[in-house]
Amino acid sequence: MSVDLSFFRSETSQRLRAEGRAEGRTEGRVESHAEDILLVPGERGIDVPDDVRARITSCTDLETLRGWLKRSLTAGTAEDLFADTKA
């Protein structure tokens, strides 16, 4: 019995794999930024409440996370991460 594997070599299949890889890379960057944002205040002795932690880990916008990461370097409180950010 022979199995037709041509679909797996097709343009559609290759495009879907490429999209999946790109999506996975973006998800990895998002997770990494969230971890970094949570690490910095802890290293600076700043408490990160559960609601702030949840907001950070649920965010999927890379640009927002980048802004929070930059702010985490100088923020006086965990809530200061969200200064000038709409809820």
PDB file of N, CA and C in Angstrom:
ATOM      1  N   MET A   1       0.838  -1.179   0.000  1.00  0.00           N
ATOM      2  CA  MET A   1       0.000   0.000   0.000  1.00  0.00           C
ATOM      3  C   MET A   1       0.889   1.250   0.000  1.00  0.00           C
ATOM      4  N   SER A   2       0.582   2.166  -0.858  1.00  0.00           N
ATOM      5  CA  SER A   2       1.363   3.386  -1.006  1.00  0.00           C
ATOM      6  C   SER A   2       0.582   4.578  -0.452  1.00  0.00           C
ATOM      7  N   VAL A   3       1.288   5.481   0.210  1.00  0.00           N
ATOM      8  CA  VAL A   3       0.658   6.663   0.792  1.00  0.00           C
ATOM      9  C   VAL A   3       1.151   7.894   0.035  1.00  0.00           C
ATOM     10  N   ASP A   4       0.213   8.748  -0.339  1.00  0.00           N
ATOM     11  CA  ASP A   4       0.563   9.975  -1.063  1.00  0.00           C
ATOM     12  C   ASP A   4       1.000  11.039  -0.056  1.00  0.00           C
ATOM     13  N   LEU A   5       2.263  11.389  -0.082  1.00  0.00           N
ATOM     14  CA  LEU A   5       2.814  12.382   0.840  1.00  0.00           C
ATOM     15  C   LEU A   5       3.065  13.730   0.166  1.00  0.00           C
ATOM     16  N   SER A   6       2.535  13.910  -1.025  1.00  0.00           N
ATOM     17  CA  SER A   6       2.811  15.139  -1.773  1.00  0.00           C
ATOM     18  C   SER A   6       2.318  16.391  -1.046  1.00  0.00           C
ATOM     19  N   PHE A   7       1.255  16.278  -0.257  1.00  0.00           N
ATOM     20  CA  PHE A   7       0.753  17.452   0.470  1.00  0.00           C
ATOM     21  C   PHE A   7       1.835  18.045   1.360  1.00  0.00           C
ATOM     22  N   PHE A   8       2.625  17.198   1.980  1.00  0.00           N
ATOM     23  CA  PHE A   8       3.633  17.660   2.929  1.00  0.00           C
ATOM     24  C   PHE A   8       4.785  18.402   2.247  1.00  0.00           C
ATOM     25  N   ARG A   9       4.875  18.280   0.933  1.00  0.00           N
ATOM     26  CA  ARG A   9       5.890  19.004   0.170  1.00  0.00           C
ATOM     27  C   ARG A   9       5.280  20.172  -0.602  1.00  0.00           C
ATOM     28  N   SER A  10       3.987  20.352  -0.500  1.00  0.00           N
ATOM     29  CA  SER A  10       3.302  21.388  -1.277  1.00  0.00           C
ATOM     30  C   SER A  10       3.586  22.783  -0.730  1.00  0.00           C
ATOM     31  N   GLU A  11       3.303  23.793  -1.566  1.00  0.00           N
ATOM     32  CA  GLU A  11       3.476  25.184  -1.141  1.00  0.00           C
ATOM     33  C   GLU A  11       2.609  25.493   0.073  1.00  0.00           C
ATOM     34  N   THR A  12       1.401  24.987   0.072  1.00  0.00           N
ATOM     35  CA  THR A  12       0.490  25.228   1.194  1.00  0.00           C
ATOM     36  C   THR A  12       1.070  24.678   2.480  1.00  0.00           C
ATOM     37  N   SER A  13       1.568  23.484   2.427  1.00  0.00           N
ATOM     38  CA  SER A  13       2.159  22.866   3.613  1.00  0.00           C
ATOM     39  C   SER A  13       3.382  23.642   4.082  1.00  0.00           C
ATOM     40  N   GLN A  14       4.214  24.049   3.153  1.00  0.00           N
ATOM     41  CA  GLN A  14       5.409  24.813   3.513  1.00  0.00           C
ATOM     42  C   GLN A  14       5.033  26.161   4.121  1.00  0.00           C
ATOM     43  N   ARG A  15       4.004  26.806   3.551  1.00  0.00           N
ATOM     44  CA  ARG A  15       3.553  28.092   4.080  1.00  0.00           C
ATOM     45  C   ARG A  15       3.010  27.926   5.495  1.00  0.00           C
ATOM     46  N   LEU A  16       2.219  26.890   5.722  1.00  0.00           N
ATOM     47  CA  LEU A  16       1.656  26.646   7.052  1.00  0.00           C
ATOM     48  C   LEU A  16       2.756  26.376   8.080  1.00  0.00           C
ATOM     49  N   ARG A  17       3.769  25.622   7.686  1.00  0.00           N
ATOM     50  CA  ARG A  17       4.889  25.365   8.596  1.00  0.00           C
ATOM     51  C   ARG A  17       5.632  26.657   8.922  1.00  0.00           C
ATOM     52  N   ALA A  18       5.854  27.483   7.912  1.00  0.00           N
ATOM     53  CA  ALA A  18       6.555  28.758   8.123  1.00  0.00           C
ATOM     54  C   ALA A  18       5.749  29.669   9.048  1.00  0.00           C
ATOM     55  N   GLU A  19       4.435  29.714   8.843  1.00  0.00           N
ATOM     56  CA  GLU A  19       3.584  30.530   9.713  1.00  0.00           C
ATOM     57  C   GLU A  19       3.638  30.019  11.146  1.00  0.00           C
ATOM     58  N   GLY A  20       3.615  28.723  11.297  1.00  0.00           N
ATOM     59  CA  GLY A  20       3.685  28.126  12.634  1.00  0.00           C
ATOM     60  C   GLY A  20       5.003  28.435  13.329  1.00  0.00           C
ATOM     61  N   ARG A  21       6.094  28.373  12.581  1.00  0.00           N
ATOM     62  CA  ARG A  21       7.399  28.704  13.156  1.00  0.00           C
ATOM     63  C   ARG A  21       7.456  30.171  13.574  1.00  0.00           C
ATOM     64  N   ALA A  22       6.954  31.060  12.725  1.00  0.00           N
ATOM     65  CA  ALA A  22       6.963  32.494  13.045  1.00  0.00           C
ATOM     66  C   ALA A  22       6.110  32.770  14.278  1.00  0.00           C
ATOM     67  N   GLU A  23       4.963  32.129  14.340  1.00  0.00           N
ATOM     68  CA  GLU A  23       4.081  32.294  15.495  1.00  0.00           C
ATOM     69  C   GLU A  23       4.761  31.792  16.766  1.00  0.00           C
ATOM     70  N   GLY A  24       5.437  30.686  16.669  1.00  0.00           N
ATOM     71  CA  GLY A  24       6.153  30.128  17.820  1.00  0.00           C
ATOM     72  C   GLY A  24       7.280  31.032  18.291  1.00  0.00           C
ATOM     73  N   ARG A  25       7.999  31.629  17.343  1.00  0.00           N
ATOM     74  CA  ARG A  25       9.071  32.559  17.717  1.00  0.00           C
ATOM     75  C   ARG A  25       8.502  33.779  18.430  1.00  0.00           C
ATOM     76  N   THR A  26       7.393  34.308  17.935  1.00  0.00           N
ATOM     77  CA  THR A  26       6.768  35.470  18.567  1.00  0.00           C
ATOM     78  C   THR A  26       6.302  35.122  19.974  1.00  0.00           C
ATOM     79  N   GLU A  27       5.666  33.971  20.125  1.00  0.00           N
ATOM     80  CA  GLU A  27       5.222  33.544  21.457  1.00  0.00           C
ATOM     81  C   GLU A  27       6.410  33.407  22.397  1.00  0.00           C
ATOM     82  N   GLY A  28       7.507  32.896  21.900  1.00  0.00           N
ATOM     83  CA  GLY A  28       8.710  32.761  22.719  1.00  0.00           C
ATOM     84  C   GLY A  28       9.251  34.109  23.162  1.00  0.00           C
ATOM     85  N   ARG A  29       9.242  35.076  22.257  1.00  0.00           N
ATOM     86  CA  ARG A  29       9.702  36.430  22.616  1.00  0.00           C
ATOM     87  C   ARG A  29       8.798  37.044  23.674  1.00  0.00           C
ATOM     88  N   VAL A  30       7.489  36.878  23.503  1.00  0.00           N
ATOM     89  CA  VAL A  30       6.528  37.418  24.468  1.00  0.00           C
ATOM     90  C   VAL A  30       6.776  36.813  25.843  1.00  0.00           C
ATOM     91  N   GLU A  31       6.902  35.497  25.903  1.00  0.00           N
ATOM     92  CA  GLU A  31       7.142  34.832  27.188  1.00  0.00           C
ATOM     93  C   GLU A  31       8.458  35.287  27.808  1.00  0.00           C
ATOM     94  N   SER A  32       9.484  35.421  26.995  1.00  0.00           N
ATOM     95  CA  SER A  32      10.787  35.844  27.490  1.00  0.00           C
ATOM     96  C   SER A  32      10.733  37.262  28.052  1.00  0.00           C
ATOM     97  N   HIS A  33      10.065  38.164  27.349  1.00  0.00           N
ATOM     98  CA  HIS A  33       9.937  39.539  27.842  1.00  0.00           C
ATOM     99  C   HIS A  33       9.171  39.559  29.163  1.00  0.00           C
ATOM    100  N   ALA A  34       8.088  38.799  29.249  1.00  0.00           N
ATOM    101  CA  ALA A  34       7.306  38.766  30.487  1.00  0.00           C
ATOM    102  C   ALA A  34       8.168  38.257  31.647  1.00  0.00           C
ATOM    103  N   GLU A  35       8.947  37.218  31.411  1.00  0.00           N
ATOM    104  CA  GLU A  35       9.834  36.694  32.455  1.00  0.00           C
ATOM    105  C   GLU A  35      10.859  37.742  32.881  1.00  0.00           C
ATOM    106  N   ASP A  36      11.422  38.446  31.908  1.00  0.00           N
ATOM    107  CA  ASP A  36      12.413  39.480  32.218  1.00  0.00           C
ATOM    108  C   ASP A  36      11.793  40.622  33.016  1.00  0.00           C
ATOM    109  N   ILE A  37      10.590  41.026  32.620  1.00  0.00           N
ATOM    110  CA  ILE A  37       9.908  42.110  33.337  1.00  0.00           C
ATOM    111  C   ILE A  37       9.691  41.722  34.790  1.00  0.00           C
ATOM    112  N   LEU A  38       9.321  40.483  35.037  1.00  0.00           N
ATOM    113  CA  LEU A  38       9.078  40.026  36.410  1.00  0.00           C
ATOM    114  C   LEU A  38      10.383  39.850  37.181  1.00  0.00           C
ATOM    115  N   LEU A  39      11.459  39.548  36.507  1.00  0.00           N
ATOM    116  CA  LEU A  39      12.748  39.341  37.155  1.00  0.00           C
ATOM    117  C   LEU A  39      13.347  40.648  37.674  1.00  0.00           C
ATOM    118  N   VAL A  40      13.290  41.689  36.874  1.00  0.00           N
ATOM    119  CA  VAL A  40      13.970  42.944  37.213  1.00  0.00           C
ATOM    120  C   VAL A  40      13.479  43.544  38.532  1.00  0.00           C
ATOM    121  N   PRO A  41      12.174  43.745  38.730  1.00  0.00           N
ATOM    122  CA  PRO A  41      11.748  44.327  40.014  1.00  0.00           C
ATOM    123  C   PRO A  41      12.141  43.449  41.206  1.00  0.00           C
ATOM    124  N   GLY A  42      12.045  42.145  41.037  1.00  0.00           N
ATOM    125  CA  GLY A  42      12.438  41.237  42.114  1.00  0.00           C
ATOM    126  C   GLY A  42      13.895  41.409  42.491  1.00  0.00           C
ATOM    127  N   GLU A  43      14.746  41.555  41.493  1.00  0.00           N
ATOM    128  CA  GLU A  43      16.172  41.771  41.743  1.00  0.00           C
ATOM    129  C   GLU A  43      16.423  43.122  42.400  1.00  0.00           C
ATOM    130  N   ARG A  44      15.523  44.064  42.165  1.00  0.00           N
ATOM    131  CA  ARG A  44      15.660  45.396  42.754  1.00  0.00           C
ATOM    132  C   ARG A  44      14.951  45.496  44.105  1.00  0.00           C
ATOM    133  N   GLY A  45      14.391  44.379  44.593  1.00  0.00           N
ATOM    134  CA  GLY A  45      13.724  44.370  45.890  1.00  0.00           C
ATOM    135  C   GLY A  45      12.315  44.930  45.864  1.00  0.00           C
ATOM    136  N   ILE A  46      11.718  45.000  44.687  1.00  0.00           N
ATOM    137  CA  ILE A  46      10.359  45.524  44.540  1.00  0.00           C
ATOM    138  C   ILE A  46       9.384  44.358  44.469  1.00  0.00           C
ATOM    139  N   ASP A  47       8.375  44.391  45.329  1.00  0.00           N
ATOM    140  CA  ASP A  47       7.351  43.348  45.360  1.00  0.00           C
ATOM    141  C   ASP A  47       6.471  43.452  44.114  1.00  0.00           C
ATOM    142  N   VAL A  48       6.158  42.315  43.521  1.00  0.00           N
ATOM    143  CA  VAL A  48       5.266  42.275  42.361  1.00  0.00           C
ATOM    144  C   VAL A  48       3.992  41.541  42.776  1.00  0.00           C
ATOM    145  N   PRO A  49       2.907  42.302  43.027  1.00  0.00           N
ATOM    146  CA  PRO A  49       1.647  41.681  43.439  1.00  0.00           C
ATOM    147  C   PRO A  49       1.085  40.755  42.354  1.00  0.00           C
ATOM    148  N   ASP A  50       0.221  39.848  42.774  1.00  0.00           N
ATOM    149  CA  ASP A  50      -0.359  38.872  41.849  1.00  0.00           C
ATOM    150  C   ASP A  50      -1.096  39.527  40.684  1.00  0.00           C
ATOM    151  N   ASP A  51      -1.818  40.639  40.943  1.00  0.00           N
ATOM    152  CA  ASP A  51      -2.565  41.273  39.852  1.00  0.00           C
ATOM    153  C   ASP A  51      -1.620  41.869  38.804  1.00  0.00           C
ATOM    154  N   VAL A  52      -0.499  42.405  39.241  1.00  0.00           N
ATOM    155  CA  VAL A  52       0.498  42.944  38.307  1.00  0.00           C
ATOM    156  C   VAL A  52       1.139  41.793  37.535  1.00  0.00           C
ATOM    157  N   ARG A  53       1.480  40.733  38.239  1.00  0.00           N
ATOM    158  CA  ARG A  53       2.067  39.543  37.603  1.00  0.00           C
ATOM    159  C   ARG A  53       1.114  38.994  36.535  1.00  0.00           C
ATOM    160  N   ALA A  54      -0.178  38.926  36.868  1.00  0.00           N
ATOM    161  CA  ALA A  54      -1.170  38.407  35.923  1.00  0.00           C
ATOM    162  C   ALA A  54      -1.287  39.302  34.694  1.00  0.00           C
ATOM    163  N   ARG A  55      -1.257  40.602  34.912  1.00  0.00           N
ATOM    164  CA  ARG A  55      -1.351  41.533  33.777  1.00  0.00           C
ATOM    165  C   ARG A  55      -0.152  41.376  32.843  1.00  0.00           C
ATOM    166  N   ILE A  56       1.008  41.218  33.411  1.00  0.00           N
ATOM    167  CA  ILE A  56       2.223  41.066  32.602  1.00  0.00           C
ATOM    168  C   ILE A  56       2.200  39.750  31.835  1.00  0.00           C
ATOM    169  N   THR A  57       1.888  38.669  32.513  1.00  0.00           N
ATOM    170  CA  THR A  57       1.935  37.355  31.858  1.00  0.00           C
ATOM    171  C   THR A  57       0.797  37.141  30.870  1.00  0.00           C
ATOM    172  N   SER A  58      -0.279  37.922  30.980  1.00  0.00           N
ATOM    173  CA  SER A  58      -1.387  37.757  30.032  1.00  0.00           C
ATOM    174  C   SER A  58      -1.249  38.664  28.813  1.00  0.00           C
ATOM    175  N   CYS A  59      -0.306  39.588  28.843  1.00  0.00           N
ATOM    176  CA  CYS A  59      -0.106  40.506  27.717  1.00  0.00           C
ATOM    177  C   CYS A  59       0.567  39.762  26.564  1.00  0.00           C
ATOM    178  N   THR A  60       0.056  39.965  25.367  1.00  0.00           N
ATOM    179  CA  THR A  60       0.635  39.317  24.188  1.00  0.00           C
ATOM    180  C   THR A  60       1.193  40.324  23.183  1.00  0.00           C
ATOM    181  N   ASP A  61       1.174  41.608  23.533  1.00  0.00           N
ATOM    182  CA  ASP A  61       1.673  42.651  22.640  1.00  0.00           C
ATOM    183  C   ASP A  61       3.149  42.912  22.931  1.00  0.00           C
ATOM    184  N   LEU A  62       3.991  42.580  21.991  1.00  0.00           N
ATOM    185  CA  LEU A  62       5.437  42.669  22.183  1.00  0.00           C
ATOM    186  C   LEU A  62       5.898  44.103  22.438  1.00  0.00           C
ATOM    187  N   GLU A  63       5.321  45.073  21.757  1.00  0.00           N
ATOM    188  CA  GLU A  63       5.721  46.470  21.955  1.00  0.00           C
ATOM    189  C   GLU A  63       5.364  46.953  23.361  1.00  0.00           C
ATOM    190  N   THR A  64       4.197  46.563  23.854  1.00  0.00           N
ATOM    191  CA  THR A  64       3.805  46.921  25.222  1.00  0.00           C
ATOM    192  C   THR A  64       4.776  46.308  26.215  1.00  0.00           C
ATOM    193  N   LEU A  65       5.101  45.043  26.011  1.00  0.00           N
ATOM    194  CA  LEU A  65       6.040  44.364  26.905  1.00  0.00           C
ATOM    195  C   LEU A  65       7.416  45.023  26.870  1.00  0.00           C
ATOM    196  N   ARG A  66       7.851  45.447  25.701  1.00  0.00           N
ATOM    197  CA  ARG A  66       9.151  46.128  25.594  1.00  0.00           C
ATOM    198  C   ARG A  66       9.149  47.421  26.406  1.00  0.00           C
ATOM    199  N   GLY A  67       8.039  48.158  26.337  1.00  0.00           N
ATOM    200  CA  GLY A  67       7.923  49.384  27.125  1.00  0.00           C
ATOM    201  C   GLY A  67       7.962  49.098  28.610  1.00  0.00           C
ATOM    202  N   TRP A  68       7.250  48.071  29.035  1.00  0.00           N
ATOM    203  CA  TRP A  68       7.242  47.698  30.456  1.00  0.00           C
ATOM    204  C   TRP A  68       8.629  47.241  30.895  1.00  0.00           C
ATOM    205  N   LEU A  69       9.328  46.514  30.023  1.00  0.00           N
ATOM    206  CA  LEU A  69      10.673  46.049  30.365  1.00  0.00           C
ATOM    207  C   LEU A  69      11.608  47.237  30.583  1.00  0.00           C
ATOM    208  N   LYS A  70      11.553  48.216  29.702  1.00  0.00           N
ATOM    209  CA  LYS A  70      12.383  49.415  29.873  1.00  0.00           C
ATOM    210  C   LYS A  70      12.032  50.128  31.175  1.00  0.00           C
ATOM    211  N   ARG A  71      10.723  50.240  31.462  1.00  0.00           N
ATOM    212  CA  ARG A  71      10.283  50.918  32.676  1.00  0.00           C
ATOM    213  C   ARG A  71      10.666  50.146  33.932  1.00  0.00           C
ATOM    214  N   SER A  72      10.787  48.823  33.814  1.00  0.00           N
ATOM    215  CA  SER A  72      11.108  48.010  34.996  1.00  0.00           C
ATOM    216  C   SER A  72      12.485  48.349  35.564  1.00  0.00           C
ATOM    217  N   LEU A  73      13.333  48.942  34.744  1.00  0.00           N
ATOM    218  CA  LEU A  73      14.679  49.290  35.196  1.00  0.00           C
ATOM    219  C   LEU A  73      14.694  50.460  36.170  1.00  0.00           C
ATOM    220  N   THR A  74      13.674  51.312  36.110  1.00  0.00           N
ATOM    221  CA  THR A  74      13.659  52.516  36.944  1.00  0.00           C
ATOM    222  C   THR A  74      12.409  52.662  37.799  1.00  0.00           C
ATOM    223  N   ALA A  75      11.419  51.801  37.624  1.00  0.00           N
ATOM    224  CA  ALA A  75      10.148  51.931  38.350  1.00  0.00           C
ATOM    225  C   ALA A  75      10.362  51.806  39.856  1.00  0.00           C
ATOM    226  N   GLY A  76       9.658  52.650  40.613  1.00  0.00           N
ATOM    227  CA  GLY A  76       9.742  52.598  42.071  1.00  0.00           C
ATOM    228  C   GLY A  76       8.833  51.544  42.670  1.00  0.00           C
ATOM    229  N   THR A  77       7.739  51.241  41.958  1.00  0.00           N
ATOM    230  CA  THR A  77       6.813  50.190  42.381  1.00  0.00           C
ATOM    231  C   THR A  77       6.445  49.368  41.149  1.00  0.00           C
ATOM    232  N   ALA A  78       5.896  48.198  41.384  1.00  0.00           N
ATOM    233  CA  ALA A  78       5.482  47.356  40.260  1.00  0.00           C
ATOM    234  C   ALA A  78       4.394  48.054  39.442  1.00  0.00           C
ATOM    235  N   GLU A  79       3.530  48.796  40.109  1.00  0.00           N
ATOM    236  CA  GLU A  79       2.456  49.502  39.417  1.00  0.00           C
ATOM    237  C   GLU A  79       2.996  50.588  38.486  1.00  0.00           C
ATOM    238  N   ASP A  80       4.178  51.119  38.801  1.00  0.00           N
ATOM    239  CA  ASP A  80       4.791  52.151  37.952  1.00  0.00           C
ATOM    240  C   ASP A  80       5.125  51.628  36.553  1.00  0.00           C
ATOM    241  N   LEU A  81       5.173  50.324  36.393  1.00  0.00           N
ATOM    242  CA  LEU A  81       5.431  49.754  35.070  1.00  0.00           C
ATOM    243  C   LEU A  81       4.373  50.197  34.073  1.00  0.00           C
ATOM    244  N   PHE A  82       3.159  50.416  34.581  1.00  0.00           N
ATOM    245  CA  PHE A  82       2.029  50.704  33.709  1.00  0.00           C
ATOM    246  C   PHE A  82       1.758  52.194  33.557  1.00  0.00           C
ATOM    247  N   ALA A  83       2.657  53.044  34.019  1.00  0.00           N
ATOM    248  CA  ALA A  83       2.470  54.488  33.872  1.00  0.00           C
ATOM    249  C   ALA A  83       2.295  54.818  32.390  1.00  0.00           C
ATOM    250  N   ASP A  84       1.354  55.685  32.103  1.00  0.00           N
ATOM    251  CA  ASP A  84       1.058  56.089  30.724  1.00  0.00           C
ATOM    252  C   ASP A  84       0.594  54.927  29.858  1.00  0.00           C
ATOM    253  N   THR A  85       0.079  53.874  30.479  1.00  0.00           N
ATOM    254  CA  THR A  85      -0.443  52.730  29.740  1.00  0.00           C
ATOM    255  C   THR A  85      -1.921  52.625  30.034  1.00  0.00           C
ATOM    256  N   LYS A  86      -2.710  52.475  28.978  1.00  0.00           N
ATOM    257  CA  LYS A  86      -4.152  52.311  29.169  1.00  0.00           C
ATOM    258  C   LYS A  86      -4.433  50.889  29.612  1.00  0.00           C
ATOM    259  N   ALA A  87      -5.369  50.744  30.525  1.00  0.00           N
ATOM    260  CA  ALA A  87      -5.740  49.421  31.045  1.00  0.00           C
ATOM    261  C   ALA A  87      -6.458  48.657  30.038  1.00  0.00           C
TER     262      ALA A  87
END
